[in-house]
Amino acid sequence: MMKNNLFPISKEGWNYIAYAVVLFLVLGFLDLEFLQFFAFVGIMFFIYIYRNPERQIMALEKGGVVSPVDGNVSDLQEDKNSTILTIESSYHDVSVLRVPISCVVKNIKAIRGSSLGKNSSKSEILNEKLTIDFEDEQKRVISISHLSTLNFANISHDLSESQKLIQGFRYGVMPKGITKIILPKGSKVNVNIGDELKGCESIIAYLS
C-alpha cells in the first residue's frame, strides 16, 4: 500500500532543492556572491512551491466531497448529466493533490505534453494532462483532470488502478495548472465562481 507523504516538503521537490543548494555552495566557493543570491532565491522558491502542510478534514455529511487542490473556482457548468467545476491553481497555492472522497481508483490516464498558457487555444490538446476516476462505495464516480499550464515540472502521482484510498490522502503534485472536476448528476455544489479553495479542507459538493 502506498505511504502518505508526511514530510514538510513533498518528495517531488527534493531534487530541485538539492540542485539549488549545490549550486549555491559552488557559487559561494567561487566567490560569485551576486549569482549566489539567485541560487538562494531558487532554494526558497522550491521550498515554497513544494511545501506540504498538514490539513484537517472537517466532519462531513455523508457524500461530502473535498477539493483535491488549492486554487480559485474559475468556472461552474451544469447539464442534465453532470456538473463540471474548474479550479485554477498558481504558484502561490500548495501544489499537493488530495483525494476528494474515500474511494477506489477506477481509471488513470496520463498524457505527457507541453505546458502552454491557459489562454492558448491549443493548451487542451497539447498540454500535459492527468485524468483519474474515483469511485465510492455506492459506485458514484468523480472524474478529475489536471492540466499543466506554464509549469516548470511535470504533474506527478503515486496512484495505481484498483487502489483503495481514504479522503484527503495525498496522491501527487501539480505546481501550477487547471483542475476540472466532473461530479455525477444530482450533486449539490457547495462553491461559487471566485471562491478560494484549500485542498482537503474546502467542501466543494455533496453527492446525492
C-alpha atoms as a PDB file:
ATOM      1  CA  MET A   1       0.000   0.000   0.000  1.00  0.00           C
ATOM      2  CA  MET A   2       1.216   3.486  -0.882  1.00  0.00           C
ATOM      3  CA  LYS A   3       2.505   5.547   2.036  1.00  0.00           C
ATOM      4  CA  ASN A   4       1.135   9.009   2.562  1.00  0.00           C
ATOM      5  CA  ASN A   5       3.781  11.720   2.089  1.00  0.00           C
ATOM      6  CA  LEU A   6       4.015  13.348   5.519  1.00  0.00           C
ATOM      7  CA  PHE A   7       7.287  15.243   5.096  1.00  0.00           C
ATOM      8  CA  PRO A   8       7.115  19.067   5.366  1.00  0.00           C
ATOM      9  CA  ILE A   9       8.445  19.228   1.803  1.00  0.00           C
ATOM     10  CA  SER A  10       6.957  16.950  -0.863  1.00  0.00           C
ATOM     11  CA  LYS A  11       9.419  14.339  -2.122  1.00  0.00           C
ATOM     12  CA  GLU A  12       8.882  15.601  -5.677  1.00  0.00           C
ATOM     13  CA  GLY A  13      10.762  18.772  -4.703  1.00  0.00           C
ATOM     14  CA  TRP A  14      13.802  17.202  -3.063  1.00  0.00           C
ATOM     15  CA  ASN A  15      15.906  17.019  -6.230  1.00  0.00           C
ATOM     16  CA  TYR A  16      15.154  20.613  -7.197  1.00  0.00           C
ATOM     17  CA  ILE A  17      16.119  21.844  -3.730  1.00  0.00           C
ATOM     18  CA  ALA A  18      19.269  19.681  -3.680  1.00  0.00           C
ATOM     19  CA  TYR A  19      20.449  21.004  -7.057  1.00  0.00           C
ATOM     20  CA  ALA A  20      19.821  24.585  -5.938  1.00  0.00           C
ATOM     21  CA  VAL A  21      21.771  24.002  -2.707  1.00  0.00           C
ATOM     22  CA  VAL A  22      24.724  22.502  -4.612  1.00  0.00           C
ATOM     23  CA  LEU A  23      24.711  25.465  -6.998  1.00  0.00           C
ATOM     24  CA  PHE A  24      24.598  27.853  -4.030  1.00  0.00           C
ATOM     25  CA  LEU A  25      27.651  26.170  -2.437  1.00  0.00           C
ATOM     26  CA  VAL A  26      29.627  26.079  -5.694  1.00  0.00           C
ATOM     27  CA  LEU A  27      28.976  29.749  -6.392  1.00  0.00           C
ATOM     28  CA  GLY A  28      29.998  30.554  -2.834  1.00  0.00           C
ATOM     29  CA  PHE A  29      33.229  28.615  -3.264  1.00  0.00           C
ATOM     30  CA  LEU A  30      33.901  30.592  -6.458  1.00  0.00           C
ATOM     31  CA  ASP A  31      33.132  33.822  -4.577  1.00  0.00           C
ATOM     32  CA  LEU A  32      30.350  34.741  -7.012  1.00  0.00           C
ATOM     33  CA  GLU A  33      28.117  36.396  -4.456  1.00  0.00           C
ATOM     34  CA  PHE A  34      25.772  38.053  -6.939  1.00  0.00           C
ATOM     35  CA  LEU A  35      24.941  34.749  -8.649  1.00  0.00           C
ATOM     36  CA  GLN A  36      24.857  33.000  -5.281  1.00  0.00           C
ATOM     37  CA  PHE A  37      21.991  35.271  -4.274  1.00  0.00           C
ATOM     38  CA  PHE A  38      19.887  33.966  -7.192  1.00  0.00           C
ATOM     39  CA  ALA A  39      20.708  30.390  -6.205  1.00  0.00           C
ATOM     40  CA  PHE A  40      19.453  31.179  -2.704  1.00  0.00           C
ATOM     41  CA  VAL A  41      16.249  32.625  -4.183  1.00  0.00           C
ATOM     42  CA  GLY A  42      15.897  29.362  -6.108  1.00  0.00           C
ATOM     43  CA  ILE A  43      16.194  27.327  -2.915  1.00  0.00           C
ATOM     44  CA  MET A  44      13.474  29.392  -1.252  1.00  0.00           C
ATOM     45  CA  PHE A  45      11.289  29.162  -4.364  1.00  0.00           C
ATOM     46  CA  PHE A  46      11.389  25.362  -4.490  1.00  0.00           C
ATOM     47  CA  ILE A  47      10.804  25.041  -0.738  1.00  0.00           C
ATOM     48  CA  TYR A  48       7.750  27.274  -1.091  1.00  0.00           C
ATOM     49  CA  ILE A  49       6.378  25.505  -4.172  1.00  0.00           C
ATOM     50  CA  TYR A  50       6.752  22.028  -2.684  1.00  0.00           C
ATOM     51  CA  ARG A  51       5.619  22.800   0.855  1.00  0.00           C
ATOM     52  CA  ASN A  52       3.409  20.049   2.225  1.00  0.00           C
ATOM     53  CA  PRO A  53       1.301  21.320   5.142  1.00  0.00           C
ATOM     54  CA  GLU A  54      -0.934  19.166   7.287  1.00  0.00           C
ATOM     55  CA  ARG A  55      -4.633  19.640   6.583  1.00  0.00           C
ATOM     56  CA  GLN A  56      -7.542  18.690   8.815  1.00  0.00           C
ATOM     57  CA  ILE A  57     -10.605  17.153   7.172  1.00  0.00           C
ATOM     58  CA  MET A  58     -13.798  18.661   8.516  1.00  0.00           C
ATOM     59  CA  ALA A  59     -16.569  16.481   9.887  1.00  0.00           C
ATOM     60  CA  LEU A  60     -18.537  15.941   6.677  1.00  0.00           C
ATOM     61  CA  GLU A  61     -22.032  14.802   5.995  1.00  0.00           C
ATOM     62  CA  LYS A  62     -22.264  11.539   4.110  1.00  0.00           C
ATOM     63  CA  GLY A  63     -21.287  12.084   0.487  1.00  0.00           C
ATOM     64  CA  GLY A  64     -19.200  15.177   1.184  1.00  0.00           C
ATOM     65  CA  VAL A  65     -16.518  15.933  -1.412  1.00  0.00           C
ATOM     66  CA  VAL A  66     -13.391  17.951  -0.564  1.00  0.00           C
ATOM     67  CA  SER A  67     -11.325  19.928  -3.034  1.00  0.00           C
ATOM     68  CA  PRO A  68      -8.390  17.970  -4.486  1.00  0.00           C
ATOM     69  CA  VAL A  69      -6.334  21.149  -4.959  1.00  0.00           C
ATOM     70  CA  ASP A  70      -5.700  24.642  -3.664  1.00  0.00           C
ATOM     71  CA  GLY A  71      -6.884  27.399  -6.001  1.00  0.00           C
ATOM     72  CA  ASN A  72      -9.766  29.560  -7.133  1.00  0.00           C
ATOM     73  CA  VAL A  73     -13.022  28.455  -8.756  1.00  0.00           C
ATOM     74  CA  SER A  74     -12.948  29.871 -12.284  1.00  0.00           C
ATOM     75  CA  ASP A  75     -15.923  28.141 -13.879  1.00  0.00           C
ATOM     76  CA  LEU A  76     -19.014  26.148 -12.980  1.00  0.00           C
ATOM     77  CA  GLN A  77     -21.193  24.426 -15.563  1.00  0.00           C
ATOM     78  CA  GLU A  78     -24.206  22.160 -15.165  1.00  0.00           C
ATOM     79  CA  ASP A  79     -26.060  19.974 -17.627  1.00  0.00           C
ATOM     80  CA  LYS A  80     -28.527  17.127 -17.361  1.00  0.00           C
ATOM     81  CA  ASN A  81     -25.790  14.548 -16.753  1.00  0.00           C
ATOM     82  CA  SER A  82     -23.155  16.214 -14.593  1.00  0.00           C
ATOM     83  CA  THR A  83     -21.659  19.309 -13.009  1.00  0.00           C
ATOM     84  CA  ILE A  84     -18.204  20.491 -14.096  1.00  0.00           C
ATOM     85  CA  LEU A  85     -16.197  22.553 -11.636  1.00  0.00           C
ATOM     86  CA  THR A  86     -12.975  24.263 -12.777  1.00  0.00           C
ATOM     87  CA  ILE A  87     -10.239  25.324 -10.345  1.00  0.00           C
ATOM     88  CA  GLU A  88      -7.145  27.335 -11.299  1.00  0.00           C
ATOM     89  CA  SER A  89      -4.003  26.817  -9.206  1.00  0.00           C
ATOM     90  CA  SER A  90      -0.991  29.156  -9.222  1.00  0.00           C
ATOM     91  CA  TYR A  91       2.500  29.041  -7.707  1.00  0.00           C
ATOM     92  CA  HIS A  92       1.059  30.753  -4.627  1.00  0.00           C
ATOM     93  CA  ASP A  93      -1.075  27.680  -3.896  1.00  0.00           C
ATOM     94  CA  VAL A  94       0.041  24.460  -2.226  1.00  0.00           C
ATOM     95  CA  SER A  95       0.879  22.060  -5.059  1.00  0.00           C
ATOM     96  CA  VAL A  96      -0.114  18.805  -3.312  1.00  0.00           C
ATOM     97  CA  LEU A  97      -3.039  16.845  -4.828  1.00  0.00           C
ATOM     98  CA  ARG A  98      -5.518  15.185  -2.445  1.00  0.00           C
ATOM     99  CA  VAL A  99      -8.211  12.518  -2.775  1.00  0.00           C
ATOM    100  CA  PRO A 100     -11.732  14.071  -2.822  1.00  0.00           C
ATOM    101  CA  ILE A 101     -13.634  11.068  -1.383  1.00  0.00           C
ATOM    102  CA  SER A 102     -12.895   7.700   0.151  1.00  0.00           C
ATOM    103  CA  CYS A 103     -12.827   5.555  -2.944  1.00  0.00           C
ATOM    104  CA  VAL A 104     -11.281   3.081  -5.329  1.00  0.00           C
ATOM    105  CA  VAL A 105      -9.241   4.311  -8.279  1.00  0.00           C
ATOM    106  CA  LYS A 106     -11.070   3.081 -11.386  1.00  0.00           C
ATOM    107  CA  ASN A 107      -9.066   4.624 -14.223  1.00  0.00           C
ATOM    108  CA  ILE A 108      -5.871   6.630 -14.675  1.00  0.00           C
ATOM    109  CA  LYS A 109      -4.772   8.302 -17.886  1.00  0.00           C
ATOM    110  CA  ALA A 110      -1.562  10.340 -18.014  1.00  0.00           C
ATOM    111  CA  ILE A 111      -0.595  12.231 -21.173  1.00  0.00           C
ATOM    112  CA  ARG A 112       2.810  13.879 -21.366  1.00  0.00           C
ATOM    113  CA  GLY A 113       2.940  17.066 -23.381  1.00  0.00           C
ATOM    114  CA  SER A 114       3.749  20.754 -23.373  1.00  0.00           C
ATOM    115  CA  SER A 115       2.791  23.401 -20.844  1.00  0.00           C
ATOM    116  CA  LEU A 116       1.218  26.238 -22.819  1.00  0.00           C
ATOM    117  CA  GLY A 117      -0.585  29.086 -21.091  1.00  0.00           C
ATOM    118  CA  LYS A 118      -4.236  28.669 -20.174  1.00  0.00           C
ATOM    119  CA  ASN A 119      -5.304  31.209 -22.808  1.00  0.00           C
ATOM    120  CA  SER A 120      -3.722  29.254 -25.641  1.00  0.00           C
ATOM    121  CA  SER A 121      -6.276  27.656 -27.955  1.00  0.00           C
ATOM    122  CA  LYS A 122      -4.096  24.547 -28.145  1.00  0.00           C
ATOM    123  CA  SER A 123      -3.484  24.006 -24.420  1.00  0.00           C
ATOM    124  CA  GLU A 124      -6.314  21.473 -24.033  1.00  0.00           C
ATOM    125  CA  ILE A 125      -4.864  19.380 -26.855  1.00  0.00           C
ATOM    126  CA  LEU A 126      -1.095  19.736 -26.376  1.00  0.00           C
ATOM    127  CA  ASN A 127      -0.568  20.229 -22.644  1.00  0.00           C
ATOM    128  CA  GLU A 128       0.312  17.547 -20.144  1.00  0.00           C
ATOM    129  CA  LYS A 129      -2.790  16.079 -18.518  1.00  0.00           C
ATOM    130  CA  LEU A 130      -3.599  13.594 -15.758  1.00  0.00           C
ATOM    131  CA  THR A 131      -7.157  12.209 -15.558  1.00  0.00           C
ATOM    132  CA  ILE A 132      -8.378   9.993 -12.708  1.00  0.00           C
ATOM    133  CA  ASP A 133     -11.746   8.387 -11.988  1.00  0.00           C
ATOM    134  CA  PHE A 134     -12.534   7.917  -8.285  1.00  0.00           C
ATOM    135  CA  GLU A 135     -15.437   5.583  -7.388  1.00  0.00           C
ATOM    136  CA  ASP A 136     -17.006   5.463  -3.918  1.00  0.00           C
ATOM    137  CA  GLU A 137     -18.805   2.562  -2.202  1.00  0.00           C
ATOM    138  CA  GLN A 138     -22.085   3.470  -3.893  1.00  0.00           C
ATOM    139  CA  LYS A 139     -20.490   3.320  -7.354  1.00  0.00           C
ATOM    140  CA  ARG A 140     -20.651   7.093  -7.771  1.00  0.00           C
ATOM    141  CA  VAL A 141     -17.747   8.339  -9.890  1.00  0.00           C
ATOM    142  CA  ILE A 142     -15.909  11.642  -9.654  1.00  0.00           C
ATOM    143  CA  SER A 143     -13.614  12.309 -12.611  1.00  0.00           C
ATOM    144  CA  ILE A 144     -10.715  14.722 -12.088  1.00  0.00           C
ATOM    145  CA  SER A 145      -8.464  16.127 -14.822  1.00  0.00           C
ATOM    146  CA  HIS A 146      -5.306  18.077 -14.022  1.00  0.00           C
ATOM    147  CA  LEU A 147      -3.931  20.183 -16.896  1.00  0.00           C
ATOM    148  CA  SER A 148      -0.439  21.686 -16.646  1.00  0.00           C
ATOM    149  CA  THR A 149      -0.136  25.384 -17.622  1.00  0.00           C
ATOM    150  CA  LEU A 150       3.153  27.321 -17.849  1.00  0.00           C
ATOM    151  CA  ASN A 151       4.731  24.811 -15.494  1.00  0.00           C
ATOM    152  CA  PHE A 152       8.419  24.041 -14.897  1.00  0.00           C
ATOM    153  CA  ALA A 153       7.717  20.491 -13.668  1.00  0.00           C
ATOM    154  CA  ASN A 154       5.597  17.521 -14.704  1.00  0.00           C
ATOM    155  CA  ILE A 155       2.408  16.536 -12.920  1.00  0.00           C
ATOM    156  CA  SER A 156       3.347  13.606 -10.673  1.00  0.00           C
ATOM    157  CA  HIS A 157       1.231  10.945  -8.978  1.00  0.00           C
ATOM    158  CA  ASP A 158       1.599   7.706  -6.990  1.00  0.00           C
ATOM    159  CA  LEU A 159      -1.699   6.084  -7.917  1.00  0.00           C
ATOM    160  CA  SER A 160      -2.498   2.701  -9.384  1.00  0.00           C
ATOM    161  CA  GLU A 161      -5.783   1.311 -10.668  1.00  0.00           C
ATOM    162  CA  SER A 162      -7.969  -0.596  -8.150  1.00  0.00           C
ATOM    163  CA  GLN A 163      -6.141   1.128  -5.301  1.00  0.00           C
ATOM    164  CA  LYS A 164      -8.272   1.935  -2.236  1.00  0.00           C
ATOM    165  CA  LEU A 165      -7.843   5.438  -0.832  1.00  0.00           C
ATOM    166  CA  ILE A 166      -9.207   7.471   2.033  1.00  0.00           C
ATOM    167  CA  GLN A 167     -10.457  11.026   1.708  1.00  0.00           C
ATOM    168  CA  GLY A 168      -7.729  13.661   1.939  1.00  0.00           C
ATOM    169  CA  PHE A 169      -4.890  11.272   1.048  1.00  0.00           C
ATOM    170  CA  ARG A 170      -2.005  12.917  -0.828  1.00  0.00           C
ATOM    171  CA  TYR A 171      -1.663  11.380  -4.273  1.00  0.00           C
ATOM    172  CA  GLY A 172       0.610  13.707  -6.247  1.00  0.00           C
ATOM    173  CA  VAL A 173       1.818  17.197  -7.060  1.00  0.00           C
ATOM    174  CA  MET A 174       0.983  19.845  -9.671  1.00  0.00           C
ATOM    175  CA  PRO A 175       2.841  23.147  -9.117  1.00  0.00           C
ATOM    176  CA  LYS A 176       0.594  25.129 -11.473  1.00  0.00           C
ATOM    177  CA  GLY A 177      -2.383  24.296 -13.646  1.00  0.00           C
ATOM    178  CA  ILE A 178      -6.101  23.842 -14.096  1.00  0.00           C
ATOM    179  CA  THR A 179      -8.206  21.143 -12.463  1.00  0.00           C
ATOM    180  CA  LYS A 180     -11.603  20.103 -13.825  1.00  0.00           C
ATOM    181  CA  ILE A 181     -13.878  18.055 -11.586  1.00  0.00           C
ATOM    182  CA  ILE A 182     -16.838  16.222 -13.110  1.00  0.00           C
ATOM    183  CA  LEU A 183     -19.445  15.498 -10.446  1.00  0.00           C
ATOM    184  CA  PRO A 184     -22.258  12.991 -11.023  1.00  0.00           C
ATOM    185  CA  LYS A 185     -25.822  14.050 -11.734  1.00  0.00           C
ATOM    186  CA  GLY A 186     -27.705  15.319  -8.678  1.00  0.00           C
ATOM    187  CA  SER A 187     -24.641  16.532  -6.778  1.00  0.00           C
ATOM    188  CA  LYS A 188     -25.218  19.557  -4.554  1.00  0.00           C
ATOM    189  CA  VAL A 189     -22.470  22.073  -5.329  1.00  0.00           C
ATOM    190  CA  ASN A 190     -21.153  23.949  -2.312  1.00  0.00           C
ATOM    191  CA  VAL A 191     -18.992  26.622  -4.016  1.00  0.00           C
ATOM    192  CA  ASN A 192     -19.337  29.605  -6.342  1.00  0.00           C
ATOM    193  CA  ILE A 193     -17.166  31.148  -9.049  1.00  0.00           C
ATOM    194  CA  GLY A 194     -14.400  33.198  -7.422  1.00  0.00           C
ATOM    195  CA  ASP A 195     -14.249  31.154  -4.210  1.00  0.00           C
ATOM    196  CA  GLU A 196     -10.780  30.376  -2.877  1.00  0.00           C
ATOM    197  CA  LEU A 197     -10.346  26.703  -2.012  1.00  0.00           C
ATOM    198  CA  LYS A 198      -7.934  24.672   0.084  1.00  0.00           C
ATOM    199  CA  GLY A 199      -7.245  21.069  -0.805  1.00  0.00           C
ATOM    200  CA  CYS A 200      -8.666  18.613   1.741  1.00  0.00           C
ATOM    201  CA  GLU A 201     -10.363  21.373   3.760  1.00  0.00           C
ATOM    202  CA  SER A 202     -12.823  23.059   1.394  1.00  0.00           C
ATOM    203  CA  ILE A 203     -16.086  21.182   0.774  1.00  0.00           C
ATOM    204  CA  ILE A 204     -16.947  21.539  -2.914  1.00  0.00           C
ATOM    205  CA  ALA A 205     -20.069  19.363  -3.125  1.00  0.00           C
ATOM    206  CA  TYR A 206     -22.281  16.671  -1.629  1.00  0.00           C
ATOM    207  CA  LEU A 207     -23.117  13.572  -3.643  1.00  0.00           C
ATOM    208  CA  SER A 208     -26.762  12.585  -3.678  1.00  0.00           C
END
